[in-house]
Amino acid sequence: MKMTTGTFISSDGAELFYRRWVQEAPLNGRVLILLHRGHEHSERLENIAANKAFEGYKIFSYDNRGHGHTKADATFEFMNLVRDLDTFVSFVCDKEQIVQESIFVIANSVAGVVASTWVHDYAPKIKGMALIAPAFKIKLYVPFAKEFLKLAIHFRPELNIKSYVKSKFLTHDITEQKRYDRDQYITPNIPARQLTTLLDTAQRVVEDASLITTPTLVLSATKDYVVERGIQGDFYAALSSNVKKFVKLENFYHGVLYETKAQEAIDEIVEFMEECFIADSEEMSDELVKLTQKEYDKIAFGSLPFLSMTNYFIQKMAMRLLGTLSKGMGIGLKYGFDSGVTLDHIYTNKPSGTTWFGRAIDKAYLNSIGWRGIRQRKVNMIAAVEAKIVLLQQKGETVSILDIAGGPARYLIEIASKFPEIEVRVRDYQEQNVNEGRILARDLALDNINYEQCDAFDLVNYDPKIYRPNIVVISGVFELFNDNTLIDKAIKGVTQIISKDGYLLYTGQPWHPQLEQIANVLGNHQQEKWVMRRRSQYELDHLFTRRGFEKEHMMIDDWGIFTVSSAKFNTKI
């Protein structure tokens, strides 16, 4: 077997170490990515990569931050591990000149949570994944350990904790136990915040597993002293893929791939991999779409349990009585919590109000997870737009940007100010938003950004003779509408005017923990229920793919709420 090593640069600039193995056998054009267990590193996967069952595959693995030969420090945020996987898959595709459909992922323990989060949030087109004893819920043994850790992190943000797991709890194989104990690259510590954000993310993904369509094999060890087995079954049962399998590994400990009967697990993986590579790629089912459509209908028109109804009523009354003390709540009550004026306050992020009590209310309001996600979405969108501006300018092209429903588009005001040589056009259906944007541009003496009142869902407004942008933005719009037929009109309109090889930047909302609360407590600009329809990233990407857009990159916040994707327009489709 031939092994090579190297490094790749992740999304935030961190340099990670990787290995590549190829057995001396005819290649089948398939790539296998092995993800090591928590505390371990890629070298420990070498014997697994050398297994004859994997002949014909090119095999890749990498050392997580703070592990093995990767010099980057361990991360305090679990989602950085997910971003590393996404970056690595892109790196492997570029290096081997393959598409994602050539890849299968095998992930053990914590890596199983990384892989399942990645397929949920990013909707990659890989052939499938095998999750080995995935650590969706870790046995912490100490009551309320997670809550105590979160409290401790407030006082010691860089707190590290040492793993209680001994080699004798990972495998029955004495030789493997000794190998583990002697390994100088085993990392016993883990940042406490990485652990708590791992557990929070795992809970989110398990509860929303019905939106995962990736073919999935789950291997569950019956003598696992490290993670809870029951929740693995909950995750599996909810998966929407037609190709899935759950296997109980009798008398196996948590370190499945190092067990005395590890070959049984490997044979299960290889059999499932073969099934995945032979099977045709699944089309997005109507049932997947209906899941979140029904959720929308339930929030918009359905009844509530008595306790929930009472809770929301109390919140609404308290906001009306005390909300005016908070500047942010006062704006929302007057103009609507979805208005451009509200967003201006959210982006400014400076607690303000009447008396110290009003400022305290405003601070809590601004720190709501939804508003934190909105602020990060703006950061990600600015980064995405600026990256495309630079790319087009390097090609010698004049940059023309269109936001089809941008409101006042403060982020584009900032971009237009930074790049005075570009042309920006912002459209919006509401006259109030258009006027507000014009005032902002006038106050900053910007003559390269224009606003016009326009319906994004009317095809008449997409005339290439009038305007032909090479960057089109669709941000924070589609979740306001339940009907994909209406959404498709806007996408079709964009295809009519976007320039050849132009770029589309679009946002998504694949998950949100406050949809019901927002609808029943906060009002929109029409003083009605503010109801949003989230779409899985699979569904959202599919809507654009069938109109000729190929997604090339995606960003997501640490809570998994808002995505920003970039896609290239393929004129051949």
Protein backbone atom coordinates (compact mmCIF):
# COMPACT_ATOMS: atom_id res chain seq x y z
CA MET A 1 0.00 0.00 0.00
CA LYS A 2 1.31 3.43 -0.93
CA MET A 3 0.79 6.31 1.50
CA THR A 4 1.38 10.01 0.93
CA THR A 5 0.85 12.91 3.30
CA GLY A 6 0.28 16.63 3.05
CA THR A 7 -1.74 19.52 4.39
CA PHE A 8 -4.82 21.41 3.30
CA ILE A 9 -6.15 24.82 4.32
CA SER A 10 -9.58 24.91 5.94
CA SER A 11 -12.22 27.62 5.59
CA ASP A 12 -10.76 29.83 8.33
CA GLY A 13 -7.14 29.47 7.21
CA ALA A 14 -6.19 26.66 9.61
CA GLU A 15 -3.72 24.13 8.18
CA LEU A 16 -4.66 20.48 8.72
CA PHE A 17 -2.58 17.34 8.11
CA TYR A 18 -3.93 14.57 5.89
CA ARG A 19 -3.02 11.10 4.61
CA ARG A 20 -3.77 9.38 1.32
CA TRP A 21 -3.59 5.61 0.87
CA VAL A 22 -3.82 3.55 -2.30
CA GLN A 23 -3.56 -0.25 -2.26
CA GLU A 24 -1.72 -2.07 -5.04
CA ALA A 25 -4.86 -3.07 -6.91
CA PRO A 26 -6.80 -1.80 -9.95
CA LEU A 27 -8.63 1.41 -9.05
CA ASN A 28 -12.40 1.65 -9.35
CA GLY A 29 -12.66 5.46 -9.46
CA ARG A 30 -14.14 5.60 -5.96
CA VAL A 31 -12.87 7.57 -2.98
CA LEU A 32 -13.30 6.63 0.65
CA ILE A 33 -12.92 9.23 3.39
CA LEU A 34 -12.18 7.84 6.85
CA LEU A 35 -12.81 10.11 9.84
CA HIS A 36 -11.02 9.24 13.07
CA ARG A 37 -12.66 8.98 16.49
CA GLY A 38 -12.41 11.77 19.04
CA HIS A 39 -9.01 11.93 20.83
CA GLU A 40 -7.38 9.92 18.02
CA HIS A 41 -5.68 10.70 14.68
CA SER A 42 -5.45 9.48 11.10
CA GLU A 43 -2.41 7.22 11.55
CA ARG A 44 -4.53 4.89 13.68
CA LEU A 45 -6.66 4.25 10.58
CA GLU A 46 -3.76 2.88 8.53
CA ASN A 47 -4.49 -0.78 9.25
CA ILE A 48 -8.12 -0.20 8.34
CA ALA A 49 -7.14 1.50 5.07
CA ALA A 50 -4.94 -1.52 4.31
CA ASN A 51 -7.83 -3.97 4.71
CA LYS A 52 -8.27 -6.04 1.53
CA ALA A 53 -11.97 -5.21 1.56
CA PHE A 54 -11.06 -1.67 0.47
CA GLU A 55 -8.96 -2.67 -2.55
CA GLY A 56 -9.61 -0.39 -5.50
CA TYR A 57 -10.43 2.67 -3.40
CA LYS A 58 -8.37 5.79 -2.95
CA ILE A 59 -8.58 6.46 0.78
CA PHE A 60 -8.17 9.80 2.55
CA SER A 61 -8.16 10.89 6.17
CA TYR A 62 -7.02 13.92 8.14
CA ASP A 63 -6.09 14.86 11.71
CA ASN A 64 -8.63 17.06 13.46
CA ARG A 65 -7.53 20.35 14.99
CA GLY A 66 -5.46 19.68 18.09
CA HIS A 67 -4.90 16.04 17.08
CA GLY A 68 -2.09 14.01 15.56
CA HIS A 69 0.19 15.94 13.20
CA THR A 70 -2.18 18.88 12.71
CA LYS A 71 -0.55 21.85 14.42
CA ALA A 72 -3.69 23.99 14.61
CA ASP A 73 -5.07 24.18 18.14
CA ALA A 74 -8.21 22.31 19.10
CA THR A 75 -11.36 24.28 18.36
CA PHE A 76 -13.84 25.51 20.96
CA GLU A 77 -16.70 25.38 18.45
CA PHE A 78 -17.94 22.02 17.19
CA MET A 79 -19.20 23.44 13.88
CA ASN A 80 -15.61 24.20 12.90
CA LEU A 81 -15.10 20.43 12.64
CA VAL A 82 -18.04 20.28 10.23
CA ARG A 83 -16.57 23.10 8.16
CA ASP A 84 -13.24 21.25 8.09
CA LEU A 85 -14.94 18.17 6.63
CA ASP A 86 -16.70 20.24 3.98
CA THR A 87 -13.42 21.92 3.03
CA PHE A 88 -11.58 18.59 2.95
CA VAL A 89 -14.14 17.01 0.63
CA SER A 90 -13.77 19.96 -1.77
CA PHE A 91 -10.00 19.63 -1.50
CA VAL A 92 -10.13 15.91 -2.34
CA CYS A 93 -12.49 16.52 -5.27
CA ASP A 94 -10.13 19.13 -6.71
CA LYS A 95 -7.04 17.01 -6.09
CA GLU A 96 -8.43 13.84 -7.62
CA GLN A 97 -10.56 15.59 -10.27
CA ILE A 98 -13.72 13.82 -9.13
CA VAL A 99 -17.28 14.79 -8.21
CA GLN A 100 -18.87 14.28 -4.80
CA GLU A 101 -20.85 11.33 -6.16
CA SER A 102 -17.57 9.34 -6.16
CA ILE A 103 -17.18 9.65 -2.37
CA PHE A 104 -18.30 7.50 0.57
CA VAL A 105 -17.63 8.58 4.18
CA ILE A 106 -16.90 6.32 7.16
CA ALA A 107 -17.07 8.08 10.53
CA ASN A 108 -16.60 6.74 14.05
CA SER A 109 -18.04 8.18 17.29
CA VAL A 110 -17.74 12.00 17.40
CA ALA A 111 -16.84 11.93 13.70
CA GLY A 112 -20.24 10.32 13.15
CA VAL A 113 -21.86 13.49 14.50
CA VAL A 114 -19.58 15.60 12.29
CA ALA A 115 -20.59 13.62 9.20
CA SER A 116 -24.32 13.58 9.98
CA THR A 117 -24.30 17.33 10.70
CA TRP A 118 -22.48 17.94 7.44
CA VAL A 119 -24.98 16.01 5.32
CA HIS A 120 -27.91 17.67 7.13
CA ASP A 121 -26.61 21.24 6.84
CA TYR A 122 -24.66 21.18 3.56
CA ALA A 123 -26.64 18.59 1.54
CA PRO A 124 -23.60 17.14 -0.26
CA LYS A 125 -24.09 14.68 -3.12
CA ILE A 126 -21.88 11.92 -1.73
CA LYS A 127 -22.87 8.31 -2.38
CA GLY A 128 -23.40 7.53 1.28
CA MET A 129 -21.97 7.31 4.78
CA ALA A 130 -21.38 4.72 7.49
CA LEU A 131 -21.75 5.99 11.05
CA ILE A 132 -19.98 3.75 13.53
CA ALA A 133 -21.22 4.09 17.13
CA PRO A 134 -22.10 7.76 16.46
CA ALA A 135 -21.80 9.90 19.61
CA PHE A 136 -25.16 11.67 19.43
CA LYS A 137 -25.40 11.42 23.21
CA ILE A 138 -22.32 10.81 25.33
CA LYS A 139 -22.56 9.02 28.65
CA LEU A 140 -21.25 11.68 31.01
CA TYR A 141 -22.35 9.67 34.08
CA VAL A 142 -22.34 12.76 36.34
CA PRO A 143 -25.92 14.14 36.73
CA PHE A 144 -26.42 17.53 35.00
CA ALA A 145 -22.83 17.39 33.73
CA LYS A 146 -23.68 19.30 30.55
CA GLU A 147 -25.39 22.08 32.50
CA PHE A 148 -22.48 22.34 34.94
CA LEU A 149 -20.01 22.52 32.05
CA LYS A 150 -21.95 25.35 30.40
CA LEU A 151 -21.92 27.25 33.69
CA ALA A 152 -18.19 26.64 34.15
CA ILE A 153 -17.46 27.88 30.62
CA HIS A 154 -18.93 31.28 31.54
CA PHE A 155 -16.11 31.67 34.07
CA ARG A 156 -13.41 29.75 32.20
CA PRO A 157 -14.09 29.93 28.43
CA GLU A 158 -10.95 27.92 27.62
CA LEU A 159 -11.70 25.14 30.08
CA ASN A 160 -10.42 21.70 29.02
CA ILE A 161 -11.64 18.41 30.40
CA LYS A 162 -9.92 15.02 30.34
CA SER A 163 -11.64 12.02 28.87
CA TYR A 164 -12.64 9.30 31.32
CA VAL A 165 -12.53 6.67 28.56
CA LYS A 166 -9.88 3.97 29.03
CA SER A 167 -8.69 1.62 26.32
CA LYS A 168 -10.37 -1.33 28.07
CA PHE A 169 -13.75 0.34 27.38
CA LEU A 170 -12.96 0.70 23.67
CA THR A 171 -11.97 -2.80 22.64
CA HIS A 172 -11.71 -6.38 23.91
CA ASP A 173 -8.46 -6.77 21.93
CA ILE A 174 -5.55 -6.61 24.39
CA THR A 175 -3.06 -5.78 21.63
CA GLU A 176 -5.18 -2.83 20.50
CA GLN A 177 -5.55 -1.67 24.12
CA LYS A 178 -1.76 -1.57 24.50
CA ARG A 179 -1.37 0.15 21.14
CA TYR A 180 -3.83 2.84 22.24
CA ASP A 181 -2.12 3.32 25.62
CA ARG A 182 1.34 3.68 24.05
CA ASP A 183 0.27 6.12 21.33
CA GLN A 184 1.89 9.49 22.08
CA TYR A 185 -0.47 11.26 19.67
CA ILE A 186 -3.64 10.29 21.52
CA THR A 187 -5.19 13.54 22.79
CA PRO A 188 -6.94 12.92 26.14
CA ASN A 189 -8.26 16.46 26.58
CA ILE A 190 -11.17 18.16 24.86
CA PRO A 191 -12.27 21.80 25.18
CA ALA A 192 -15.40 21.87 27.33
CA ARG A 193 -17.13 24.23 24.92
CA GLN A 194 -16.46 21.90 22.00
CA LEU A 195 -18.12 19.12 23.98
CA THR A 196 -21.22 21.16 24.88
CA THR A 197 -21.65 22.53 21.35
CA LEU A 198 -21.21 18.97 20.05
CA LEU A 199 -24.05 17.76 22.27
CA ASP A 200 -26.30 20.69 21.30
CA THR A 201 -25.64 20.14 17.60
CA ALA A 202 -26.16 16.38 17.88
CA GLN A 203 -29.56 16.96 19.49
CA ARG A 204 -30.51 19.34 16.67
CA VAL A 205 -29.50 16.88 13.96
CA VAL A 206 -31.20 13.88 15.55
CA GLU A 207 -34.46 15.80 16.00
CA ASP A 208 -34.31 16.96 12.37
CA ALA A 209 -32.94 13.73 10.82
CA SER A 210 -36.05 13.40 8.67
CA LEU A 211 -34.50 16.01 6.37
CA ILE A 212 -31.44 13.83 5.68
CA THR A 213 -31.60 11.94 2.38
CA THR A 214 -28.01 10.65 2.20
CA PRO A 215 -27.86 6.81 2.12
CA THR A 216 -26.78 5.86 5.64
CA LEU A 217 -25.52 2.78 7.49
CA VAL A 218 -25.58 2.93 11.29
CA LEU A 219 -23.46 0.41 13.21
CA SER A 220 -24.44 0.24 16.88
CA ALA A 221 -22.27 -1.49 19.49
CA THR A 222 -24.35 -3.35 22.08
CA LYS A 223 -21.69 -3.05 24.82
CA ASP A 224 -20.99 0.63 24.34
CA TYR A 225 -19.96 2.32 27.62
CA VAL A 226 -19.17 5.65 25.95
CA VAL A 227 -22.32 6.73 24.09
CA GLU A 228 -26.06 6.08 24.32
CA ARG A 229 -27.34 3.49 21.83
CA GLY A 230 -31.03 4.32 21.91
CA ILE A 231 -30.66 7.71 20.29
CA GLN A 232 -28.78 6.09 17.38
CA GLY A 233 -31.98 4.18 16.62
CA ASP A 234 -34.03 7.39 16.86
CA PHE A 235 -31.74 9.03 14.33
CA TYR A 236 -31.90 6.05 11.97
CA ALA A 237 -35.69 5.72 12.16
CA ALA A 238 -36.20 9.35 11.11
CA LEU A 239 -33.89 9.28 8.05
CA SER A 240 -35.63 9.94 4.73
CA SER A 241 -33.26 8.01 2.48
CA ASN A 242 -34.64 4.92 0.75
CA VAL A 243 -31.21 3.33 1.14
CA LYS A 244 -30.43 2.85 4.82
CA LYS A 245 -29.51 0.05 7.21
CA PHE A 246 -29.15 -0.37 10.97
CA VAL A 247 -26.89 -3.10 12.32
CA LYS A 248 -26.44 -4.19 15.93
CA LEU A 249 -22.92 -5.40 16.63
CA GLU A 250 -23.35 -7.88 19.44
CA ASN A 251 -20.83 -7.67 22.29
CA PHE A 252 -18.86 -4.88 20.58
CA TYR A 253 -17.34 -2.04 22.60
CA HIS A 254 -17.29 1.56 21.38
CA GLY A 255 -14.04 1.32 19.37
CA VAL A 256 -15.70 -0.87 16.75
CA LEU A 257 -12.94 -0.76 14.14
CA TYR A 258 -10.35 -1.93 16.70
CA GLU A 259 -12.40 -4.78 18.12
CA THR A 260 -11.45 -8.47 17.90
CA LYS A 261 -14.27 -9.00 15.39
CA ALA A 262 -13.79 -5.72 13.53
CA GLN A 263 -13.94 -7.54 10.20
CA GLU A 264 -17.66 -8.15 10.75
CA ALA A 265 -18.21 -4.40 10.88
CA ILE A 266 -15.96 -3.78 7.86
CA ASP A 267 -17.80 -6.41 5.82
CA GLU A 268 -21.11 -4.69 6.65
CA ILE A 269 -19.65 -1.36 5.52
CA VAL A 270 -18.29 -2.75 2.25
CA GLU A 271 -21.58 -4.46 1.41
CA PHE A 272 -23.50 -1.24 2.06
CA MET A 273 -20.98 0.84 0.09
CA GLU A 274 -21.40 -1.44 -2.91
CA GLU A 275 -25.18 -1.05 -2.70
CA CYS A 276 -24.81 2.74 -2.61
CA PHE A 277 -22.44 2.94 -5.57
CA ILE A 278 -24.63 0.67 -7.69
CA ALA A 279 -27.88 2.47 -6.80
CA ASP A 280 -29.02 5.42 -8.89
CA SER A 281 -28.86 8.80 -7.17
CA GLU A 282 -32.12 9.54 -5.40
CA GLU A 283 -34.33 12.33 -6.67
CA MET A 284 -35.69 14.67 -4.05
CA SER A 285 -39.03 13.23 -2.96
CA ASP A 286 -42.24 15.21 -2.58
CA GLU A 287 -42.47 13.83 0.96
CA LEU A 288 -39.32 15.73 1.95
CA VAL A 289 -40.89 18.97 0.73
CA LYS A 290 -44.17 18.22 2.49
CA LEU A 291 -42.45 17.80 5.86
CA THR A 292 -41.66 21.49 6.22
CA GLN A 293 -44.76 22.59 4.32
CA LYS A 294 -46.87 20.81 6.94
CA GLU A 295 -44.78 22.43 9.66
CA TYR A 296 -45.53 25.84 8.10
CA ASP A 297 -49.27 25.08 7.89
CA LYS A 298 -49.35 23.89 11.48
CA ILE A 299 -47.72 27.10 12.72
CA ALA A 300 -49.87 29.31 10.48
CA PHE A 301 -53.27 27.70 10.99
CA GLY A 302 -53.06 24.99 13.65
CA SER A 303 -53.98 25.09 17.33
CA LEU A 304 -51.57 25.04 20.24
CA PRO A 305 -51.46 22.97 23.44
CA PHE A 306 -52.87 24.91 26.38
CA LEU A 307 -49.49 25.41 28.09
CA SER A 308 -47.82 26.67 24.89
CA MET A 309 -50.74 28.97 24.12
CA THR A 310 -50.62 30.38 27.65
CA ASN A 311 -46.85 30.82 27.50
CA TYR A 312 -46.97 32.74 24.21
CA PHE A 313 -49.89 34.86 25.42
CA ILE A 314 -47.92 35.89 28.53
CA GLN A 315 -44.85 36.69 26.39
CA LYS A 316 -46.95 38.80 24.02
CA MET A 317 -48.65 40.73 26.83
CA ALA A 318 -45.34 41.31 28.62
CA MET A 319 -43.82 42.63 25.41
CA ARG A 320 -46.70 45.05 24.88
CA LEU A 321 -46.50 46.27 28.48
CA LEU A 322 -42.70 46.48 28.83
CA GLY A 323 -41.42 46.18 25.26
CA THR A 324 -41.49 49.91 24.59
CA LEU A 325 -38.75 50.30 27.22
CA SER A 326 -36.49 48.42 24.79
CA LYS A 327 -35.55 50.26 21.61
CA GLY A 328 -35.51 47.07 19.55
CA MET A 329 -38.87 45.80 20.76
CA GLY A 330 -40.37 49.26 20.38
CA ILE A 331 -39.28 49.37 16.73
CA GLY A 332 -40.67 45.90 16.12
CA LEU A 333 -44.01 46.73 17.72
CA LYS A 334 -44.34 49.85 15.57
CA TYR A 335 -42.94 48.77 12.21
CA GLY A 336 -42.99 44.96 12.40
CA PHE A 337 -40.26 42.59 13.52
CA ASP A 338 -39.48 41.69 9.90
CA SER A 339 -39.04 45.32 8.79
CA GLY A 340 -35.87 46.92 7.49
CA VAL A 341 -35.86 49.29 10.47
CA THR A 342 -35.84 46.30 12.84
CA LEU A 343 -32.94 44.73 10.96
CA ASP A 344 -30.98 47.99 11.18
CA HIS A 345 -31.19 47.77 14.97
CA ILE A 346 -30.28 44.08 14.95
CA TYR A 347 -27.21 44.72 12.81
CA THR A 348 -26.10 47.69 14.93
CA ASN A 349 -26.29 45.39 17.97
CA LYS A 350 -26.08 48.12 20.62
CA PRO A 351 -28.54 47.64 23.53
CA SER A 352 -30.61 50.77 24.00
CA GLY A 353 -33.75 51.69 25.86
CA THR A 354 -35.43 53.68 28.59
CA THR A 355 -33.64 53.22 31.95
CA TRP A 356 -31.25 50.41 32.81
CA PHE A 357 -34.15 47.98 32.77
CA GLY A 358 -35.04 48.85 29.17
CA ARG A 359 -31.42 48.41 28.12
CA ALA A 360 -31.31 45.03 29.88
CA ILE A 361 -34.44 43.94 28.00
CA ASP A 362 -32.93 45.13 24.73
CA LYS A 363 -29.69 43.25 25.40
CA ALA A 364 -31.59 40.00 25.98
CA TYR A 365 -33.63 40.69 22.84
CA LEU A 366 -30.53 41.29 20.70
CA ASN A 367 -28.90 38.12 22.08
CA SER A 368 -31.76 35.93 20.89
CA ILE A 369 -30.33 33.02 18.88
CA GLY A 370 -32.32 34.04 15.80
CA TRP A 371 -30.90 37.56 15.75
CA ARG A 372 -27.38 36.25 16.34
CA GLY A 373 -27.88 34.04 13.32
CA ILE A 374 -29.13 36.99 11.25
CA ARG A 375 -26.00 38.99 12.10
CA GLN A 376 -23.77 36.08 11.10
CA ARG A 377 -25.74 35.68 7.87
CA LYS A 378 -24.89 39.28 7.02
CA VAL A 379 -21.20 38.66 7.71
CA ASN A 380 -21.23 35.54 5.54
CA MET A 381 -23.11 37.27 2.72
CA ILE A 382 -20.70 40.19 2.65
CA ALA A 383 -17.78 37.75 2.52
CA ALA A 384 -19.42 35.81 -0.31
CA VAL A 385 -20.23 38.91 -2.37
CA GLU A 386 -16.77 40.42 -1.93
CA ALA A 387 -15.13 37.12 -2.94
CA LYS A 388 -17.10 37.11 -6.21
CA ILE A 389 -16.34 40.77 -6.87
CA VAL A 390 -12.61 40.10 -6.57
CA LEU A 391 -12.90 36.98 -8.75
CA LEU A 392 -14.74 38.82 -11.53
CA GLN A 393 -12.38 41.78 -11.39
CA GLN A 394 -9.41 39.44 -11.73
CA LYS A 395 -11.00 38.24 -14.96
CA GLY A 396 -11.24 41.85 -16.11
CA GLU A 397 -15.04 42.02 -15.89
CA THR A 398 -17.11 44.98 -14.76
CA VAL A 399 -19.16 43.94 -11.73
CA SER A 400 -22.93 44.41 -11.78
CA ILE A 401 -24.89 43.22 -8.74
CA LEU A 402 -28.65 42.72 -8.41
CA ASP A 403 -30.52 41.90 -5.20
CA ILE A 404 -34.02 40.85 -6.27
CA ALA A 405 -35.70 41.62 -2.92
CA GLY A 406 -33.15 43.35 -0.73
CA GLY A 407 -35.09 45.77 1.43
CA PRO A 408 -32.82 48.71 2.36
CA ALA A 409 -29.86 46.32 1.80
CA ARG A 410 -27.47 47.89 4.28
CA TYR A 411 -24.88 45.20 3.49
CA LEU A 412 -24.87 46.30 -0.17
CA ILE A 413 -24.53 49.91 0.94
CA GLU A 414 -21.33 48.85 2.72
CA ILE A 415 -20.11 46.94 -0.34
CA ALA A 416 -20.95 49.79 -2.74
CA SER A 417 -19.00 52.15 -0.49
CA LYS A 418 -15.99 49.80 -0.41
CA PHE A 419 -16.05 49.16 -4.17
CA PRO A 420 -17.04 52.47 -5.85
CA GLU A 421 -16.22 51.04 -9.29
CA ILE A 422 -19.03 48.44 -9.21
CA GLU A 423 -22.70 48.88 -10.08
CA VAL A 424 -25.38 47.78 -7.61
CA ARG A 425 -29.14 47.58 -8.12
CA VAL A 426 -31.52 46.77 -5.27
CA ARG A 427 -35.15 45.86 -5.80
CA ASP A 428 -37.92 45.47 -3.23
CA TYR A 429 -41.69 45.18 -3.26
CA GLN A 430 -42.21 47.61 -0.35
CA GLU A 431 -41.96 51.30 -1.11
CA GLN A 432 -40.91 51.99 2.49
CA ASN A 433 -37.79 49.82 2.10
CA VAL A 434 -36.93 51.38 -1.25
CA ASN A 435 -37.18 54.91 0.13
CA GLU A 436 -35.12 53.99 3.18
CA GLY A 437 -32.39 52.57 0.95
CA ARG A 438 -32.33 55.68 -1.21
CA ILE A 439 -31.93 57.87 1.88
CA LEU A 440 -29.03 55.73 3.11
CA ALA A 441 -27.29 55.95 -0.27
CA ARG A 442 -27.89 59.70 -0.50
CA ASP A 443 -26.52 60.34 2.98
CA LEU A 444 -23.31 58.53 2.02
CA ALA A 445 -23.16 60.24 -1.40
CA LEU A 446 -23.12 56.90 -3.21
CA ASP A 447 -23.94 57.10 -6.90
CA ASN A 448 -23.18 53.45 -7.74
CA ILE A 449 -26.19 51.92 -5.96
CA ASN A 450 -29.78 52.34 -7.14
CA TYR A 451 -33.12 51.28 -5.69
CA GLU A 452 -36.36 50.45 -7.46
CA GLN A 453 -39.75 49.15 -6.37
CA CYS A 454 -40.28 45.81 -8.01
CA ASP A 455 -42.04 42.43 -7.56
CA ALA A 456 -39.44 39.65 -7.46
CA PHE A 457 -42.06 37.06 -8.47
CA ASP A 458 -43.21 38.75 -11.68
CA LEU A 459 -41.30 37.51 -14.76
CA VAL A 460 -41.96 40.79 -16.53
CA ASN A 461 -39.38 42.39 -14.25
CA TYR A 462 -36.54 40.19 -15.55
CA ASP A 463 -35.66 41.76 -18.89
CA PRO A 464 -32.03 41.17 -20.02
CA LYS A 465 -32.27 44.16 -22.37
CA ILE A 466 -32.62 46.46 -19.35
CA TYR A 467 -30.14 44.88 -16.94
CA ARG A 468 -27.73 41.94 -17.09
CA PRO A 469 -25.96 41.42 -13.74
CA ASN A 470 -23.10 38.99 -13.19
CA ILE A 471 -23.85 38.63 -9.45
CA VAL A 472 -27.43 38.03 -8.32
CA VAL A 473 -28.40 37.90 -4.65
CA ILE A 474 -31.49 36.25 -3.14
CA SER A 475 -31.37 36.77 0.60
CA GLY A 476 -33.92 36.26 3.37
CA VAL A 477 -36.85 36.03 0.97
CA PHE A 478 -37.91 32.49 0.16
CA GLU A 479 -38.65 31.48 3.77
CA LEU A 480 -41.51 34.01 3.75
CA PHE A 481 -43.35 31.96 1.12
CA ASN A 482 -44.65 28.41 1.34
CA ASP A 483 -45.26 27.74 -2.34
CA ASN A 484 -42.34 26.43 -4.44
CA THR A 485 -44.20 27.29 -7.65
CA LEU A 486 -43.99 30.96 -6.71
CA ILE A 487 -40.34 30.58 -5.70
CA ASP A 488 -39.53 28.97 -9.03
CA LYS A 489 -40.83 32.04 -10.86
CA ALA A 490 -38.16 34.19 -9.24
CA ILE A 491 -35.44 31.63 -10.02
CA LYS A 492 -36.60 31.38 -13.63
CA GLY A 493 -36.53 35.17 -13.84
CA VAL A 494 -32.94 35.22 -12.61
CA THR A 495 -31.91 32.75 -15.33
CA GLN A 496 -33.32 35.15 -17.91
CA ILE A 497 -31.09 38.06 -16.94
CA ILE A 498 -27.95 36.71 -15.28
CA SER A 499 -24.90 36.98 -17.50
CA LYS A 500 -23.13 33.97 -18.93
CA ASP A 501 -21.10 32.25 -16.18
CA GLY A 502 -22.55 34.66 -13.63
CA TYR A 503 -22.81 33.90 -9.92
CA LEU A 504 -25.87 33.45 -7.74
CA LEU A 505 -25.70 33.96 -3.98
CA TYR A 506 -28.69 32.67 -2.03
CA THR A 507 -29.55 32.21 1.62
CA GLY A 508 -31.42 29.39 3.28
CA GLN A 509 -33.02 28.60 6.59
CA PRO A 510 -32.79 24.82 7.00
CA TRP A 511 -33.48 24.90 10.73
CA HIS A 512 -34.74 27.39 13.29
CA PRO A 513 -35.52 26.75 16.97
CA GLN A 514 -37.96 29.65 17.34
CA LEU A 515 -40.38 29.41 14.40
CA GLU A 516 -43.43 28.77 16.56
CA GLN A 517 -42.50 31.44 19.10
CA ILE A 518 -41.80 34.03 16.39
CA ALA A 519 -45.17 33.39 14.75
CA ASN A 520 -47.14 33.57 17.99
CA VAL A 521 -45.34 36.42 19.74
CA LEU A 522 -43.80 38.70 17.10
CA GLY A 523 -45.82 40.42 14.40
CA ASN A 524 -44.70 41.25 10.87
CA HIS A 525 -44.93 44.63 9.12
CA GLN A 526 -48.60 43.91 8.37
CA GLN A 527 -49.26 43.27 12.07
CA GLU A 528 -50.03 39.65 11.30
CA LYS A 529 -48.40 36.36 12.27
CA TRP A 530 -44.79 36.28 11.10
CA VAL A 531 -44.73 32.72 9.72
CA MET A 532 -41.67 31.33 7.97
CA ARG A 533 -41.28 28.12 5.98
CA ARG A 534 -37.87 26.59 6.40
CA ARG A 535 -36.49 24.44 3.60
CA SER A 536 -33.90 21.74 3.92
CA GLN A 537 -30.69 22.51 2.06
CA TYR A 538 -31.51 19.52 -0.17
CA GLU A 539 -34.78 21.13 -1.22
CA LEU A 540 -33.32 24.60 -1.66
CA ASP A 541 -30.36 23.41 -3.72
CA HIS A 542 -32.67 21.28 -5.85
CA LEU A 543 -34.82 24.30 -6.75
CA PHE A 544 -31.75 26.08 -8.11
CA THR A 545 -30.08 23.01 -9.67
CA ARG A 546 -33.02 22.23 -11.91
CA ARG A 547 -32.76 25.79 -13.29
CA GLY A 548 -29.10 25.38 -14.19
CA PHE A 549 -27.26 26.58 -11.07
CA GLU A 550 -24.45 24.44 -9.67
CA LYS A 551 -23.65 25.06 -5.99
CA GLU A 552 -19.93 25.49 -5.42
CA HIS A 553 -19.61 26.75 -1.86
CA MET A 554 -21.66 27.23 1.31
CA MET A 555 -21.33 28.89 4.71
CA ILE A 556 -23.45 28.36 7.81
CA ASP A 557 -23.53 29.86 11.30
CA ASP A 558 -22.56 27.94 14.45
CA TRP A 559 -26.20 27.21 15.30
CA GLY A 560 -27.18 25.73 11.94
CA ILE A 561 -29.88 28.33 11.25
CA PHE A 562 -28.87 30.36 8.19
CA THR A 563 -26.87 29.32 5.14
CA VAL A 564 -25.24 31.42 2.42
CA SER A 565 -24.54 29.49 -0.78
CA SER A 566 -22.81 30.46 -4.00
CA ALA A 567 -23.64 28.85 -7.32
CA LYS A 568 -22.37 29.16 -10.87
CA PHE A 569 -24.89 29.50 -13.69
CA ASN A 570 -24.45 26.75 -16.27
CA THR A 571 -25.77 28.03 -19.58
CA LYS A 572 -25.73 24.50 -21.06
CA ILE A 573 -28.60 23.33 -18.84
